[in-house]
Every structure is written in C-alpha cells, then in structure tokens.
Protein backbone atom coordinates (compact mmCIF):
# COMPACT_ATOMS: atom_id res chain seq x y z
CA UNK A 1 0.00 0.00 0.00
CA UNK A 2 1.39 3.39 -1.04
CA UNK A 3 1.80 5.99 1.70
CA UNK A 4 2.34 9.67 0.90
CA UNK A 5 4.47 11.60 3.34
CA UNK A 6 7.40 13.97 3.57
CA UNK A 7 11.06 13.02 3.42
CA UNK A 8 12.36 12.87 6.97
CA UNK A 9 15.50 10.76 6.98
CA UNK A 10 18.82 10.49 5.24
CA UNK A 11 17.65 7.11 3.92
CA UNK A 12 14.65 8.81 2.25
CA UNK A 13 16.97 11.30 0.55
CA UNK A 14 19.39 8.58 -0.53
CA UNK A 15 16.52 6.63 -2.09
CA UNK A 16 15.39 9.78 -3.93
CA UNK A 17 18.91 10.08 -5.35
CA UNK A 18 18.89 6.43 -6.44
CA UNK A 19 15.53 6.84 -8.19
CA UNK A 20 16.84 10.04 -9.79
CA UNK A 21 19.95 8.27 -11.07
CA UNK A 22 18.10 5.39 -12.75
CA UNK A 23 15.68 7.83 -14.44
CA UNK A 24 18.27 10.37 -15.61
CA UNK A 25 18.31 11.10 -19.30
CA UNK A 26 21.78 9.52 -19.63
CA UNK A 27 20.62 6.29 -17.95
CA UNK A 28 17.71 5.35 -20.22
CA UNK A 29 17.27 4.41 -23.86
CA UNK A 30 16.05 6.86 -26.49
CA UNK A 31 12.74 5.00 -26.76
CA UNK A 32 12.22 4.96 -23.00
CA UNK A 33 13.13 8.64 -22.89
CA UNK A 34 10.38 9.38 -25.40
CA UNK A 35 7.71 7.09 -23.90
CA UNK A 36 8.38 7.25 -20.18
CA UNK A 37 9.93 10.66 -19.61
CA UNK A 38 13.16 11.47 -17.79
CA UNK A 39 14.77 13.70 -15.19
CA UNK A 40 17.31 16.33 -16.16
CA UNK A 41 19.07 17.55 -13.02
CA UNK A 42 21.20 15.38 -10.75
CA UNK A 43 21.43 16.51 -7.15
CA UNK A 44 23.97 15.77 -4.45
CA UNK A 45 22.94 14.53 -1.02
CA UNK A 46 24.13 17.85 0.40
CA UNK A 47 21.95 19.93 -1.96
CA UNK A 48 18.93 17.65 -1.57
CA UNK A 49 19.28 17.94 2.21
CA UNK A 50 19.56 21.72 2.01
CA UNK A 51 16.38 21.89 -0.06
CA UNK A 52 14.60 19.47 2.28
CA UNK A 53 15.56 21.48 5.36
CA UNK A 54 13.68 24.52 3.97
CA UNK A 55 10.48 22.56 3.14
CA UNK A 56 10.50 18.75 3.09
CA UNK A 57 10.06 16.93 -0.20
CA UNK A 58 6.90 14.90 -0.75
CA UNK A 59 7.45 11.19 -1.27
CA UNK A 60 5.48 8.03 -1.94
CA UNK A 61 6.60 4.93 -0.09
CA UNK A 62 5.77 1.29 -0.50
CA UNK A 63 6.82 -0.06 2.87
CA UNK A 64 10.25 1.42 3.51
CA UNK A 65 11.00 2.02 -0.18
CA UNK A 66 10.67 5.47 -1.77
CA UNK A 67 8.91 4.78 -5.08
CA UNK A 68 8.20 8.38 -6.11
CA UNK A 69 9.09 11.91 -5.14
CA UNK A 70 8.39 15.54 -5.87
CA UNK A 71 11.14 17.93 -4.79
CA UNK A 72 10.32 21.26 -3.17
CA UNK A 73 12.64 24.07 -4.22
CA UNK A 74 12.29 27.55 -2.77
CA UNK A 75 13.33 30.77 -4.49
CA UNK A 76 16.24 30.89 -2.03
CA UNK A 77 17.86 28.09 -4.08
CA UNK A 78 18.04 30.27 -7.18
CA UNK A 79 21.83 30.41 -7.38
CA UNK A 80 22.57 26.94 -5.98
CA UNK A 81 21.94 24.99 -9.19
CA UNK A 82 23.60 26.76 -12.13
CA UNK A 83 21.62 24.90 -14.80
CA UNK A 84 18.41 26.37 -13.32
CA UNK A 85 19.51 30.03 -13.34
CA UNK A 86 17.94 30.70 -16.79
CA UNK A 87 14.63 29.32 -15.51
CA UNK A 88 14.66 31.61 -12.49
CA UNK A 89 15.49 34.57 -14.74
CA UNK A 90 12.51 33.76 -16.97
CA UNK A 91 10.15 33.34 -14.03
CA UNK A 92 11.29 36.45 -12.20
CA UNK A 93 10.80 38.64 -15.27
CA UNK A 94 7.32 37.32 -16.09
CA UNK A 95 3.92 38.73 -15.20
CA UNK A 96 1.15 36.34 -14.20
CA UNK A 97 -2.28 37.29 -12.90
CA UNK A 98 -1.31 40.95 -13.22
CA UNK A 99 1.72 40.63 -10.94
CA UNK A 100 5.45 40.11 -11.46
CA UNK A 101 6.09 36.53 -10.34
CA UNK A 102 9.30 37.36 -8.45
CA UNK A 103 7.12 39.31 -5.99
CA UNK A 104 4.68 36.44 -5.48
CA UNK A 105 4.70 33.52 -3.04
CA UNK A 106 5.70 30.58 -5.20
CA UNK A 107 7.93 27.56 -5.00
CA UNK A 108 9.34 25.33 -7.67
CA UNK A 109 8.97 21.68 -8.34
CA UNK A 110 12.63 20.77 -8.23
CA UNK A 111 11.80 17.51 -9.98
CA UNK A 112 9.19 14.78 -9.95
CA UNK A 113 9.77 11.09 -10.60
CA UNK A 114 7.76 7.89 -10.23
CA UNK A 115 9.49 4.51 -10.28
CA UNK A 116 8.67 2.69 -13.53
CA UNK A 117 6.76 -0.15 -11.87
CA UNK A 118 4.43 2.34 -10.14
CA UNK A 119 3.51 4.48 -13.15
CA UNK A 120 -0.07 4.59 -14.37
CA UNK A 121 -1.43 3.80 -10.88
CA UNK A 122 -2.26 7.30 -9.69
CA UNK A 123 0.98 7.79 -7.75
CA UNK A 124 1.83 11.03 -9.59
CA UNK A 125 -1.58 12.47 -8.69
CA UNK A 126 -1.28 11.23 -5.10
CA UNK A 127 2.11 12.94 -4.73
CA UNK A 128 0.79 16.26 -5.96
CA UNK A 129 -2.35 16.06 -3.83
CA UNK A 130 -0.28 15.41 -0.69
CA UNK A 131 2.17 18.16 -1.64
CA UNK A 132 -0.72 20.59 -2.02
CA UNK A 133 -2.07 19.59 1.39
CA UNK A 134 1.31 20.35 2.97
CA UNK A 135 2.24 23.48 1.07
CA UNK A 136 -0.90 25.35 0.00
CA UNK A 137 -1.12 27.28 3.29
CA UNK A 138 2.29 28.79 2.49
CA UNK A 139 2.28 29.43 -1.26
CA UNK A 140 0.12 30.95 -3.97
CA UNK A 141 1.71 29.26 -6.99
CA UNK A 142 3.71 26.19 -7.93
CA UNK A 143 6.00 26.51 -10.95
CA UNK A 144 8.21 24.11 -12.83
CA UNK A 145 9.93 23.82 -16.17
CA UNK A 146 9.56 20.84 -18.45
CA UNK A 147 11.62 20.06 -21.52
CA UNK A 148 9.19 20.28 -24.44
CA UNK A 149 10.61 16.98 -25.71
CA UNK A 150 9.12 15.35 -22.60
CA UNK A 151 5.44 15.37 -23.64
CA UNK A 152 4.49 12.72 -21.07
CA UNK A 153 5.46 15.08 -18.27
CA UNK A 154 3.69 18.06 -19.84
CA UNK A 155 0.45 16.05 -20.21
CA UNK A 156 0.67 14.71 -16.65
CA UNK A 157 1.16 18.22 -15.24
CA UNK A 158 -1.72 19.63 -17.30
CA UNK A 159 -4.01 16.92 -15.88
CA UNK A 160 -3.09 18.16 -12.37
CA UNK A 161 -4.06 21.73 -13.25
CA UNK A 162 -0.75 23.22 -14.38
CA UNK A 163 -0.86 25.60 -17.36
CA UNK A 164 1.95 26.51 -19.72
CA UNK A 165 2.56 30.23 -19.27
CA UNK A 166 5.84 30.69 -21.10
CA UNK A 167 8.31 28.85 -23.30
CA UNK A 168 11.98 29.64 -23.67
CA UNK A 169 15.18 28.14 -24.96
CA UNK A 170 18.60 28.07 -23.35
CA UNK A 171 21.83 26.31 -24.22
CA UNK A 172 20.52 23.00 -22.85
CA UNK A 173 16.96 22.64 -24.19
CA UNK A 174 13.62 24.16 -25.16
CA UNK A 175 11.47 24.57 -22.03
CA UNK A 176 7.84 25.03 -21.11
CA UNK A 177 7.27 26.90 -17.85
CA UNK A 178 4.09 25.66 -16.19
CA UNK A 179 2.20 27.10 -13.23
CA UNK A 180 -0.43 25.72 -10.84
CA UNK A 181 -2.50 28.51 -9.33
CA UNK A 182 -3.56 27.68 -5.76
CA UNK A 183 -5.29 30.94 -4.96
C-alpha cells in the first residue's frame, strides 16, 4: 500500500537520489526517454538535504522504499543549481495574474519522478495532492519547467491543473514553464 508523506531521513533522501539516477536522461534508452519521460538535473545529497531542510520533499513509499518523489525548491535556491539560473530569470521577469512573479509567493517543483513499476497507478496524482495539502497554506503558486521533448510530463502536469505560461530556450533545451495557481 502506497503511503504519501514527507522526506524525513537520510535514507529517504538517498533513495530519492537512487531513483533520480536510474531515471536520468543519460541512464535510459532513447525509446524509454520518449515514452516514459526522464529527469534532467542530478542533485547531491548535500543539496537535496539543504532543499529538504527549507520545506520537506513529498514522497510516496511502499513499505520502507521510496517509489516516487516531488522535490520542493524555494526561491532561495536560485543560485545553488547553475543549470536552473535561466529558468529563475525567466520566471522572475514574467507577469502572471497581473503581478510580477518574483514578488509572489511561489515555489518550484525541483523535480518529480515515479518509479517505472508504479507508473499509471495514480501515484503522480497522489504525490501532488499530498504536496498541495502540505504546502498550499504557504504558497500561492507552484511553478516548474519541463523540456518540451518530454510530452508525457507536460500532459501529466496539465491533468493536475498546471498551465503553460511561457516557453523559452537556453543552451541545454527548449522549455515550457508551467504554473499551478492555488489561490
């Protein structure tokens, strides 16, 4: 039985890193990349812990095993992950709902991943519902970027209520910025 909770232990974070590693773009075939999706950024235990200390990540566990996660990344992490700087620049210069986003209460999905054997069973939705329960009292918006060549992820986020509000290209990829309005 899947339980949704927050990451609380070093073992939880280590299991997130393992799941991240086996679903990294470099670790999967081109066909799997196209059909199943992929993760782009690789974190260190130190960085993942730093992020978790600000607001814990939401995880799905089957027994003691982390089978899915959604990482919580606050604006304070803007300069900590160089590959994400262009995303922050795009977000912070964009208006949404009549306001400049950099002045709004938002956090970023640092990454979401569901173990292959658990896909298509509602785990993605369960993660986001639990995350919203934990974080909606603190934030107005949730934002993330998705490589446009990852249509599975874009569709899954749209089903949750995210909307594409901007696209941009940097030296690594073409990105869709998506937002979930909790107000």
